[in-house]
Amino acid sequence: MRFSVDGEQTHVSAPAPAYPMQLILGVFDFPGQRDPGVSSTARFTPRLHVTRVRVTQPTPA
């Protein structure tokens, strides 16, 4: 099983698990790393924009 982000492979797991997989995405707010031009009292909601999740099945050998 290969994992990739933005087309770049990030991890390989061999062999692939024999059980169903699930995908969990999370977004986190790091207040100390905000843009210095933004007021510390301004309401800020972090967002995660996912345009596509692609799942492919291996082809039988």
N, C-alpha and C. Protein backbone atom coordinates (compact mmCIF):
# COMPACT_ATOMS: atom_id res chain seq x y z
N MET A 1 0.85 -1.15 0.00
CA MET A 1 0.00 0.00 0.00
C MET A 1 0.90 1.22 0.00
N ARG A 2 0.60 2.16 -0.87
CA ARG A 2 1.38 3.40 -0.95
C ARG A 2 0.51 4.57 -0.53
N PHE A 3 1.08 5.48 0.24
CA PHE A 3 0.40 6.70 0.67
C PHE A 3 1.12 7.87 0.02
N SER A 4 0.36 8.81 -0.53
CA SER A 4 0.98 9.98 -1.12
C SER A 4 0.14 11.22 -0.84
N VAL A 5 0.81 12.36 -0.82
CA VAL A 5 0.17 13.66 -0.63
C VAL A 5 0.65 14.55 -1.76
N ASP A 6 -0.29 15.14 -2.48
CA ASP A 6 0.02 16.01 -3.62
C ASP A 6 0.95 15.33 -4.61
N GLY A 7 0.72 14.04 -4.83
CA GLY A 7 1.49 13.30 -5.83
C GLY A 7 2.84 12.80 -5.35
N GLU A 8 3.23 13.13 -4.13
CA GLU A 8 4.52 12.68 -3.60
C GLU A 8 4.29 11.55 -2.60
N GLN A 9 4.95 10.44 -2.82
CA GLN A 9 4.82 9.30 -1.93
C GLN A 9 5.37 9.63 -0.56
N THR A 10 4.56 9.36 0.49
CA THR A 10 4.98 9.67 1.86
C THR A 10 5.25 8.43 2.70
N HIS A 11 4.67 7.28 2.31
CA HIS A 11 4.85 6.08 3.11
C HIS A 11 4.48 4.85 2.28
N VAL A 12 5.13 3.73 2.56
CA VAL A 12 4.81 2.46 1.92
C VAL A 12 4.60 1.42 3.01
N SER A 13 3.53 0.66 2.89
CA SER A 13 3.24 -0.41 3.83
C SER A 13 3.13 -1.71 3.05
N ALA A 14 3.97 -2.66 3.37
CA ALA A 14 3.94 -3.93 2.64
C ALA A 14 3.88 -5.05 3.65
N PRO A 15 3.04 -6.00 3.50
CA PRO A 15 1.96 -6.06 2.51
C PRO A 15 0.79 -5.19 2.92
N ALA A 16 -0.13 -4.96 1.99
CA ALA A 16 -1.32 -4.17 2.29
C ALA A 16 -2.16 -4.89 3.34
N PRO A 17 -2.81 -4.17 4.23
CA PRO A 17 -3.63 -4.81 5.25
C PRO A 17 -4.80 -5.58 4.63
N ALA A 18 -5.25 -6.61 5.31
CA ALA A 18 -6.34 -7.44 4.81
C ALA A 18 -7.68 -6.99 5.40
N TYR A 19 -7.75 -5.77 5.87
CA TYR A 19 -8.98 -5.25 6.46
C TYR A 19 -9.31 -3.91 5.83
N PRO A 20 -10.57 -3.47 5.91
CA PRO A 20 -10.94 -2.17 5.30
C PRO A 20 -10.18 -1.02 5.97
N MET A 21 -9.84 -0.04 5.19
CA MET A 21 -9.13 1.14 5.69
C MET A 21 -10.11 2.31 5.76
N GLN A 22 -9.81 3.28 6.62
CA GLN A 22 -10.59 4.51 6.65
C GLN A 22 -9.65 5.70 6.66
N LEU A 23 -10.15 6.82 6.18
CA LEU A 23 -9.36 8.04 6.10
C LEU A 23 -9.95 9.06 7.06
N ILE A 24 -9.12 9.61 7.92
CA ILE A 24 -9.54 10.65 8.86
C ILE A 24 -8.65 11.87 8.62
N LEU A 25 -9.27 12.99 8.34
CA LEU A 25 -8.54 14.24 8.12
C LEU A 25 -8.86 15.19 9.26
N GLY A 26 -7.86 15.90 9.74
CA GLY A 26 -8.07 16.85 10.82
C GLY A 26 -7.39 18.17 10.52
N VAL A 27 -7.93 19.24 11.06
CA VAL A 27 -7.32 20.55 10.90
C VAL A 27 -7.14 21.13 12.31
N PHE A 28 -6.00 21.73 12.53
CA PHE A 28 -5.66 22.23 13.85
C PHE A 28 -5.29 23.70 13.77
N ASP A 29 -5.56 24.42 14.84
CA ASP A 29 -5.24 25.84 14.95
C ASP A 29 -4.03 25.99 15.86
N PHE A 30 -3.02 26.70 15.39
CA PHE A 30 -1.83 26.98 16.19
C PHE A 30 -1.76 28.49 16.38
N PRO A 31 -2.42 29.03 17.41
CA PRO A 31 -2.51 30.49 17.57
C PRO A 31 -1.16 31.20 17.57
N GLY A 32 -0.12 30.57 18.08
CA GLY A 32 1.20 31.21 18.10
C GLY A 32 1.83 31.35 16.73
N GLN A 33 1.26 30.70 15.72
CA GLN A 33 1.84 30.75 14.38
C GLN A 33 0.96 31.54 13.41
N ARG A 34 0.03 32.31 13.92
CA ARG A 34 -0.84 33.13 13.06
C ARG A 34 -0.06 34.28 12.44
N ASP A 35 -0.62 34.82 11.40
CA ASP A 35 -0.04 35.98 10.72
C ASP A 35 0.04 37.14 11.71
N PRO A 36 1.21 37.76 11.88
CA PRO A 36 1.35 38.85 12.87
C PRO A 36 0.43 40.04 12.57
N GLY A 37 -0.01 40.18 11.31
CA GLY A 37 -0.89 41.29 10.95
C GLY A 37 -2.33 41.08 11.38
N VAL A 38 -2.67 39.89 11.89
CA VAL A 38 -4.03 39.60 12.31
C VAL A 38 -4.14 39.84 13.80
N SER A 39 -5.17 40.57 14.20
CA SER A 39 -5.38 40.87 15.62
C SER A 39 -5.54 39.58 16.42
N SER A 40 -4.97 39.54 17.61
CA SER A 40 -5.07 38.34 18.45
C SER A 40 -6.50 38.13 18.94
N THR A 41 -7.33 39.18 18.88
CA THR A 41 -8.73 39.04 19.33
C THR A 41 -9.66 38.74 18.15
N ALA A 42 -9.14 38.74 16.94
CA ALA A 42 -9.97 38.46 15.76
C ALA A 42 -10.43 37.00 15.80
N ARG A 43 -11.68 36.78 15.42
CA ARG A 43 -12.21 35.42 15.37
C ARG A 43 -11.58 34.71 14.18
N PHE A 44 -11.00 33.56 14.43
CA PHE A 44 -10.31 32.81 13.38
C PHE A 44 -10.77 31.37 13.42
N THR A 45 -11.22 30.87 12.29
CA THR A 45 -11.63 29.48 12.19
C THR A 45 -10.73 28.80 11.16
N PRO A 46 -9.90 27.85 11.58
CA PRO A 46 -9.05 27.16 10.61
C PRO A 46 -9.91 26.35 9.64
N ARG A 47 -9.45 26.24 8.40
CA ARG A 47 -10.18 25.49 7.38
C ARG A 47 -9.24 24.52 6.67
N LEU A 48 -9.81 23.43 6.27
CA LEU A 48 -9.08 22.44 5.47
C LEU A 48 -9.90 22.23 4.21
N HIS A 49 -9.31 22.54 3.07
CA HIS A 49 -10.01 22.41 1.79
C HIS A 49 -9.44 21.20 1.05
N VAL A 50 -10.26 20.17 0.89
CA VAL A 50 -9.85 18.96 0.19
C VAL A 50 -10.54 18.95 -1.16
N THR A 51 -9.77 18.89 -2.22
CA THR A 51 -10.37 18.89 -3.55
C THR A 51 -10.59 17.49 -4.09
N ARG A 52 -9.81 16.54 -3.58
CA ARG A 52 -9.97 15.19 -4.12
C ARG A 52 -9.30 14.18 -3.20
N VAL A 53 -9.95 13.03 -3.06
CA VAL A 53 -9.37 11.86 -2.41
C VAL A 53 -9.48 10.75 -3.43
N ARG A 54 -8.37 10.14 -3.77
CA ARG A 54 -8.36 9.08 -4.78
C ARG A 54 -7.96 7.76 -4.15
N VAL A 55 -8.76 6.75 -4.40
CA VAL A 55 -8.50 5.42 -3.89
C VAL A 55 -8.38 4.50 -5.10
N THR A 56 -7.32 3.74 -5.16
CA THR A 56 -7.15 2.81 -6.26
C THR A 56 -6.97 1.40 -5.72
N GLN A 57 -7.49 0.45 -6.44
CA GLN A 57 -7.34 -0.95 -6.06
C GLN A 57 -6.17 -1.55 -6.85
N PRO A 58 -5.40 -2.43 -6.25
CA PRO A 58 -4.31 -3.06 -6.99
C PRO A 58 -4.85 -3.94 -8.12
N THR A 59 -4.11 -4.00 -9.19
CA THR A 59 -4.51 -4.88 -10.29
C THR A 59 -3.98 -6.27 -10.00
N PRO A 60 -4.81 -7.30 -10.25
CA PRO A 60 -4.35 -8.66 -10.00
C PRO A 60 -3.13 -9.02 -10.85
N ALA A 61 -2.20 -9.73 -10.29
CA ALA A 61 -0.97 -10.09 -11.02
C ALA A 61 -1.20 -11.27 -11.94
